Structure formats: structure tokens, C-alpha cells
Protein backbone atom coordinates (compact mmCIF):
# COMPACT_ATOMS: atom_id res chain seq x y z
CA MET A 1 -17.30 22.21 -190.80
CA SER A 2 -20.51 21.79 -192.72
CA GLU A 3 -18.99 21.39 -196.22
CA ARG A 4 -16.82 18.52 -195.09
CA ARG A 5 -15.24 17.60 -191.79
CA LEU A 6 -11.90 19.22 -191.05
CA ARG A 7 -9.43 16.41 -190.59
CA THR A 8 -6.27 18.43 -191.31
CA ILE A 9 -5.68 22.13 -190.81
CA VAL A 10 -2.87 24.66 -190.83
CA ALA A 11 -3.39 27.36 -188.21
CA ASP A 12 -2.17 30.93 -188.13
CA THR A 13 -0.95 32.66 -184.96
CA SER A 14 -3.97 34.93 -184.62
CA ALA A 15 -6.45 32.06 -184.77
CA LEU A 16 -4.58 29.99 -182.20
CA VAL A 17 -4.39 32.95 -179.84
CA SER A 18 -8.11 33.65 -180.26
CA LEU A 19 -9.02 30.04 -179.50
CA ALA A 20 -6.77 30.14 -176.42
CA VAL A 21 -8.28 33.36 -175.01
CA PRO A 22 -11.05 31.59 -173.03
CA ARG A 23 -8.50 29.51 -171.11
CA ALA A 24 -6.49 32.69 -170.44
CA ASP A 25 -9.53 34.69 -169.31
CA ASP A 26 -9.89 34.40 -165.53
CA LYS A 27 -13.66 35.01 -165.83
CA TYR A 28 -14.15 31.89 -167.97
CA ASP A 29 -13.64 28.40 -166.57
CA THR A 30 -12.50 25.89 -169.20
CA ALA A 31 -12.65 23.15 -166.57
CA THR A 32 -16.45 23.33 -166.69
CA LYS A 33 -17.08 25.13 -170.00
CA PRO A 34 -15.98 24.39 -173.56
CA ASP A 35 -12.33 25.04 -174.47
CA PRO A 36 -12.16 25.82 -178.22
CA LEU A 37 -8.38 25.38 -178.43
CA GLN A 38 -8.69 21.91 -176.93
CA TYR A 39 -11.51 21.08 -179.39
CA LEU A 40 -9.33 22.10 -182.31
CA LEU A 41 -6.23 20.26 -181.16
CA THR A 42 -8.08 17.03 -180.40
CA SER A 43 -10.51 16.97 -183.33
CA CYS A 44 -8.07 17.15 -186.25
CA ASP A 45 -4.40 17.11 -187.20
CA VAL A 46 -3.06 20.65 -186.77
CA PHE A 47 0.09 21.92 -188.48
CA VAL A 48 1.88 25.23 -187.98
CA PRO A 49 4.99 26.67 -189.60
CA PRO A 50 7.96 27.61 -187.37
CA GLU A 51 7.19 31.30 -187.89
CA VAL A 52 3.91 30.85 -186.03
CA VAL A 53 5.79 29.40 -183.06
CA THR A 54 8.18 32.37 -183.19
CA GLU A 55 5.24 34.80 -183.24
CA LEU A 56 3.67 32.99 -180.27
CA GLN A 57 6.96 33.17 -178.37
CA ASP A 58 7.17 36.90 -179.15
CA LEU A 59 3.70 37.42 -177.70
CA THR A 60 4.67 35.77 -174.40
CA ARG A 61 6.94 38.74 -173.60
CA TYR A 62 3.93 40.91 -172.82
CA GLN A 63 1.78 41.00 -169.69
CA ASP A 64 -1.70 40.67 -171.16
CA ILE A 65 -4.31 38.12 -172.12
CA HIS A 66 -2.67 37.61 -175.53
CA SER A 67 0.54 36.63 -173.79
CA ALA A 68 -1.31 34.17 -171.56
CA ALA A 69 -3.15 32.77 -174.58
CA ALA A 70 0.10 32.36 -176.54
CA THR A 71 1.65 30.62 -173.53
CA ASN A 72 -1.31 28.19 -173.49
CA VAL A 73 -0.83 27.41 -177.19
CA LEU A 74 2.88 26.80 -176.68
CA ALA A 75 2.12 24.56 -173.68
CA ALA A 76 -0.06 22.41 -175.95
CA ARG A 77 2.88 21.80 -178.32
CA SER A 78 2.51 18.02 -178.23
CA PHE A 79 -0.91 18.37 -179.89
CA TYR A 80 0.23 20.06 -183.13
CA THR A 81 3.01 19.53 -185.62
CA VAL A 82 5.53 22.24 -186.48
CA GLU A 83 6.70 21.90 -190.07
CA ASP A 84 8.88 24.17 -192.18
CA PRO A 85 7.08 24.59 -195.49
CA TYR A 86 10.29 25.50 -197.32
CA GLU A 87 11.88 22.12 -196.59
CA ARG A 88 9.27 20.43 -198.78
CA VAL A 89 10.20 19.58 -202.38
CA GLU A 90 7.03 21.08 -203.84
CA THR A 91 7.44 24.54 -202.25
CA PRO A 92 9.63 27.50 -203.16
CA ASP A 93 13.01 27.76 -201.47
CA SER A 94 12.13 31.10 -199.92
CA ARG A 95 9.06 32.95 -198.69
CA PRO A 96 6.85 34.33 -201.47
CA THR A 97 5.52 37.87 -201.29
CA PHE A 98 1.77 37.71 -200.73
CA GLY A 99 1.48 41.01 -198.88
CA LEU A 100 0.68 39.20 -195.62
CA ASP A 101 2.68 38.76 -192.43
CA ASP A 102 5.31 36.02 -192.36
CA GLY A 103 3.23 33.60 -190.26
CA GLU A 104 0.25 33.86 -192.58
CA THR A 105 2.41 33.53 -195.67
CA ASP A 106 4.26 30.48 -194.33
CA GLY A 107 0.96 28.98 -193.19
CA ILE A 108 -0.55 29.36 -196.65
CA VAL A 109 2.53 27.80 -198.29
CA LEU A 110 2.32 24.90 -195.82
CA ALA A 111 -1.45 24.50 -196.29
CA ASN A 112 -1.08 24.40 -200.06
CA ALA A 113 1.85 21.97 -199.93
CA ARG A 114 0.17 19.58 -197.51
CA GLY A 115 -3.22 19.80 -199.21
CA VAL A 116 -4.95 20.20 -195.85
CA ASP A 117 -8.69 20.70 -195.52
CA GLY A 118 -8.45 24.23 -194.19
CA PHE A 119 -6.37 27.25 -193.26
CA LEU A 120 -7.50 28.64 -189.87
CA THR A 121 -7.11 32.40 -189.48
CA ASP A 122 -8.60 35.47 -187.83
CA GLU A 123 -8.46 37.32 -191.14
CA PHE A 124 -12.12 37.80 -191.98
CA GLY A 125 -12.31 41.52 -192.56
CA GLY A 126 -10.47 44.07 -194.63
CA THR A 127 -8.32 43.25 -197.60
CA ASN A 128 -6.46 40.21 -196.25
CA PHE A 129 -9.42 37.79 -196.46
CA PRO A 130 -9.75 37.96 -200.25
CA LEU A 131 -5.97 37.90 -200.61
CA ILE A 132 -5.70 34.71 -198.53
CA HIS A 133 -8.60 33.21 -200.44
CA ALA A 134 -6.83 34.00 -203.73
CA VAL A 135 -3.53 32.32 -202.80
CA LEU A 136 -4.97 29.16 -201.24
CA ARG A 137 -4.93 26.32 -203.77
CA GLY A 138 -7.30 23.70 -202.42
CA PRO A 139 -7.55 24.29 -198.68
CA ARG A 140 -10.49 26.45 -197.70
CA ILE A 141 -10.14 29.52 -195.54
CA VAL A 142 -11.63 28.95 -192.08
CA PRO A 143 -12.18 32.13 -190.05
CA THR A 144 -12.05 31.46 -186.30
CA PRO A 145 -15.61 32.68 -185.54
CA ARG A 146 -16.93 30.38 -188.26
CA LEU A 147 -15.10 27.42 -186.73
CA ILE A 148 -16.79 28.13 -183.39
CA SER A 149 -20.22 28.36 -185.03
CA GLU A 150 -19.58 25.12 -186.91
CA TYR A 151 -18.78 23.41 -183.61
CA ALA A 152 -22.33 24.36 -182.58
CA ARG A 153 -23.84 23.35 -185.90
CA ASN A 154 -22.19 19.93 -185.66
CA GLY A 155 -23.23 19.34 -182.04
CA TYR A 156 -19.91 19.82 -180.25
CA LEU A 157 -21.29 22.96 -178.59
CA THR A 158 -24.74 24.34 -178.00
CA ASN A 159 -25.57 27.61 -179.73
CA GLN A 160 -25.49 29.30 -176.32
CA GLU A 161 -21.99 27.96 -175.63
CA ALA A 162 -20.82 29.18 -179.05
CA ARG A 163 -22.32 32.64 -178.41
CA THR A 164 -20.63 32.71 -175.00
CA LEU A 165 -17.27 31.82 -176.56
CA LEU A 166 -17.67 34.59 -179.14
CA SER A 167 -18.53 37.00 -176.31
CA VAL A 168 -15.50 35.95 -174.27
CA ILE A 169 -13.09 36.20 -177.20
CA SER A 170 -14.52 39.30 -178.93
CA PRO A 171 -13.38 42.07 -176.58
CA HIS A 172 -9.83 40.73 -176.53
CA ARG A 173 -9.57 40.28 -180.31
CA SER A 174 -11.40 43.39 -181.57
CA TRP A 175 -14.31 41.36 -182.91
CA GLY A 176 -16.98 43.43 -181.16
CA THR A 177 -17.81 45.65 -184.13
CA SER A 178 -17.18 43.08 -186.85
CA PRO A 179 -20.12 42.62 -189.23
CA TYR A 180 -18.85 39.10 -189.91
CA VAL A 181 -19.02 38.13 -186.23
CA ALA A 182 -22.44 39.80 -185.98
CA GLN A 183 -23.67 37.56 -188.82
CA ILE A 184 -22.31 34.48 -187.06
CA ARG A 185 -24.10 35.51 -183.85
CA ASP A 186 -27.34 36.11 -185.79
CA ARG A 187 -27.13 32.63 -187.30
CA LEU A 188 -26.59 31.14 -183.85
CA ASP A 189 -29.57 33.12 -182.50
CA GLY A 190 -31.72 32.01 -185.44
CA SER A 191 -31.06 28.33 -184.90
CA ASP A 192 -31.69 28.24 -181.13
CA SER A 193 -34.85 26.20 -181.53
CA SER A 194 -32.86 23.28 -182.89
CA ASN A 195 -29.70 23.49 -180.78
CA GLY A 196 -29.83 25.70 -177.85
């Protein structure tokens, strides 16, 4: 991202599913168009706690785009590292109570323990964003829409490709009415003259 390049990241379930939606959407062709999950998994070292894998496996039981997206993330298993944060010396022996779901909590513990560059999540609205921000000690919070816009800013995507990805993902992830996503889109629209 613009502050400094993401070389290491811990990803939450929701973010991984969102990035895998384009590949799961039969109206979007990742063979000829950008695949944001592939970009993430090949551009930096990605770590996830076991709870995220469990949550992904739970999602595969359904018959919807989220299930297909979760299946795609699980199929890419050789491109990310699963690590139990509670097996590290510098972490608590059991899950702390942050008021978040287990995958987010374990991801934050792992991100803090590894000292990664960022924690990738779909939490960018409501009360969870400031809570995550408060418990991260070093890693920065990276909302999924921001990651996509930063891919455009850094030349991995055009602004139009980033807008298209946001449009493909939004209806499946309830981003359509998000003021945050609207701001990201506005920024992409405003910088078309330089990268479009």
C-alpha cells in the first residue's frame, strides 16, 4: 500500500472470501481479468490462523457464492501459511476477549505476534473497525476495498479494473451502501486522468 509495501499480512476470513468472489462469480472471468485473491497470495507472505480455515470450511457447506469463494481460498492453500497464534511463546495461552469473532481475534493475535505489515479484514464500518485498530500493536489495519484501490494506485490494476472489482464484489458482500466503499470509488474516479 502507499505507506509502505505490504510484504507480510495476516488475513481474516471475510477479506479472503471477498477477494475470492470475482473468481466465484460466473459473470467475471479471472482468466482474462484481474484476480485480487491471486494478487494477494503472490505479492506478499500471507498468514492465517487455523480458525480462519475452519470458518472457510464452514462456509463451503452452503450453496452460494460465498461457499464457492471459500472453496477457492481453500484450494489456494499452498499459497498461504496456517499458523496457530497460541503456540507462539509471546502470545497468551488462550484466546483473549476482544469482542470480535474467533477468526478476527486469532488473526489479530497472530498479526501482533508476527509483527506483520498489515491485518487484512472486511471490517471497515460499524464498531469493529476502531476496536480492531485499538488492539493491533504495530500491524496496520487494511480494509479489503482499500487494498484493491492501492493495487490501482501502485499500478497493478487500472482504476477502471479496481472499480470493476469493487462492483463485482459489492453486491455479494453488502458493500453497496457503504460510505467507505463510496469514498474509495470516488478516489478512483478522481484519479482516472493518471491511471485509467
